[in-house]
Structure formats: C-alpha cells, structure tokens
Amino acid sequence: MADVLLSLTLPSDVTQLVEDFLLSRPDLVPGFTTSQANGHGAVIPLVAPSELVSGHAPRTHIRMVGNEDDMRHILKLIKSELPNANVFFWLIPVIEMGRL
C-alpha cells in the first residue's frame, strides 16, 4: 500500500486528547507534526468573544505520513473515540519522502 499524508485540523480544546491518542499508537503513527492555525469560514463556529471580534477560531493542524491502511485506521479510531470532536481531515498521496 502506498504512503499518504494524513492532515487533521481540529479545535484547540481536543488537541491534547488527539495528541495523546496518536502517541499511544506508535504501531500506526511513528511520529507527527503539529502547528497552530486559525479556522475561517462558515463551517467554523465562532464562540468566544475574541473569536467573534477576530473572525477566526484557533485550531491545531496535525500531519503524519504512513501507509494508507494505517492512516484510514487512525481516522476510524479517532471517530470512535471522539465522535463529536469536529476534526476536519484529508489524505494526500505521497510521491516521495526522506531525510536530507
């Protein structure tokens, strides 16, 4: 099976739960990268007064690479563990990867 990049964008309030879950599954996710992001658009609920003023909500972006079956399994596990977490995801084929 080919490698894919799994990207997750999630609300800040569930970030620690997802990170802990990913760290508990080194058999599926040997490592991942996180960064802070801002969610914009009609599908992003703005709740806090600061979000209403700024027009965006804080999000965390998590990226990991692995074989497609493992990444799809991770998605199923996150969905079952955190069914209402409002995690947006996408899978992208990886053409090449390595270290320089």
Protein backbone atom coordinates (compact mmCIF):
# COMPACT_ATOMS: atom_id res chain seq x y z
CA MET A 1 0.00 0.00 0.00
CA ALA A 2 1.28 3.48 -0.86
CA ASP A 3 2.15 6.14 1.70
CA VAL A 4 -0.23 9.03 2.28
CA LEU A 5 -0.13 12.28 4.20
CA LEU A 6 -2.93 12.49 6.74
CA SER A 7 -3.74 16.03 7.79
CA LEU A 8 -6.07 16.79 10.70
CA THR A 9 -7.38 20.22 11.62
CA LEU A 10 -9.10 20.30 14.97
CA PRO A 11 -10.37 22.65 17.65
CA SER A 12 -7.81 23.53 20.27
CA ASP A 13 -9.91 22.04 23.06
CA VAL A 14 -9.45 18.49 21.73
CA THR A 15 -5.82 18.83 20.65
CA GLN A 16 -4.33 17.21 23.74
CA LEU A 17 -6.73 14.26 23.53
CA VAL A 18 -5.83 13.60 19.88
CA GLU A 19 -2.10 14.04 20.51
CA ASP A 20 -2.23 11.62 23.46
CA PHE A 21 -4.17 9.14 21.36
CA LEU A 22 -1.65 9.33 18.49
CA LEU A 23 1.25 8.94 20.91
CA SER A 24 -0.42 5.82 22.33
CA ARG A 25 -0.37 4.17 18.88
CA PRO A 26 3.28 4.06 17.73
CA ASP A 27 2.35 0.90 15.80
CA LEU A 28 0.28 3.10 13.47
CA VAL A 29 1.84 6.55 13.89
CA PRO A 30 5.61 6.60 14.40
CA GLY A 31 5.57 10.42 14.58
CA PHE A 32 3.62 13.53 13.68
CA THR A 33 3.96 17.29 13.42
CA THR A 34 1.67 19.90 14.96
CA SER A 35 1.26 23.59 14.27
CA GLN A 36 -1.18 26.27 15.28
CA ALA A 37 -3.70 27.55 12.74
CA ASN A 38 -6.75 29.78 12.52
CA GLY A 39 -10.06 28.42 11.25
CA HIS A 40 -12.04 30.69 8.92
CA GLY A 41 -15.35 30.31 7.13
CA ALA A 42 -18.99 29.43 7.57
CA VAL A 43 -18.26 25.92 8.90
CA ILE A 44 -16.13 27.25 11.78
CA PRO A 45 -18.29 28.09 14.82
CA LEU A 46 -17.10 31.29 16.48
CA VAL A 47 -17.96 31.12 20.18
CA ALA A 48 -15.59 33.15 22.35
CA PRO A 49 -15.84 36.95 22.23
CA SER A 50 -12.26 37.13 20.92
CA GLU A 51 -13.22 34.79 18.05
CA LEU A 52 -16.24 36.91 17.19
CA VAL A 53 -14.06 40.02 17.05
CA SER A 54 -11.18 38.44 15.10
CA GLY A 55 -13.42 36.43 12.77
CA HIS A 56 -11.50 33.17 13.24
CA ALA A 57 -11.15 30.36 15.76
CA PRO A 58 -7.93 28.76 17.00
CA ARG A 59 -7.18 25.36 15.52
CA THR A 60 -4.36 22.83 15.63
CA HIS A 61 -3.05 21.23 12.46
CA ILE A 62 -1.54 17.73 12.78
CA ARG A 63 0.27 16.00 9.93
CA MET A 64 1.59 12.44 9.70
CA VAL A 65 2.74 10.09 6.95
CA GLY A 66 2.12 6.37 6.81
CA ASN A 67 0.63 3.66 4.70
CA GLU A 68 -2.92 4.31 3.63
CA ASP A 69 -4.44 1.42 5.59
CA ASP A 70 -2.87 2.65 8.86
CA MET A 71 -3.96 6.24 8.26
CA ARG A 72 -7.54 5.16 7.50
CA HIS A 73 -7.47 3.04 10.66
CA ILE A 74 -6.35 6.09 12.67
CA LEU A 75 -9.31 8.04 11.26
CA LYS A 76 -11.73 5.29 12.31
CA LEU A 77 -10.25 5.16 15.80
CA ILE A 78 -10.43 8.94 16.26
CA LYS A 79 -14.03 8.93 15.05
CA SER A 80 -14.96 6.19 17.53
CA GLU A 81 -13.03 7.72 20.46
CA LEU A 82 -14.06 11.35 19.80
CA PRO A 83 -17.27 11.25 17.73
CA ASN A 84 -18.12 14.94 18.23
CA ALA A 85 -14.62 16.42 18.07
CA ASN A 86 -15.21 18.35 14.82
CA VAL A 87 -11.96 17.12 13.22
CA PHE A 88 -11.51 18.00 9.55
CA PHE A 89 -9.17 15.69 7.66
CA TRP A 90 -7.71 14.96 4.27
CA LEU A 91 -5.47 12.28 2.76
CA ILE A 92 -2.94 13.09 0.05
CA PRO A 93 -0.72 10.62 -1.83
CA VAL A 94 2.98 10.96 -1.02
CA ILE A 95 5.17 10.89 -4.12
CA GLU A 96 8.43 10.77 -2.24
CA MET A 97 9.75 11.33 1.27
CA GLY A 98 13.03 11.09 3.09
CA ARG A 99 15.62 12.98 5.10
CA LEU A 100 18.22 15.36 3.74
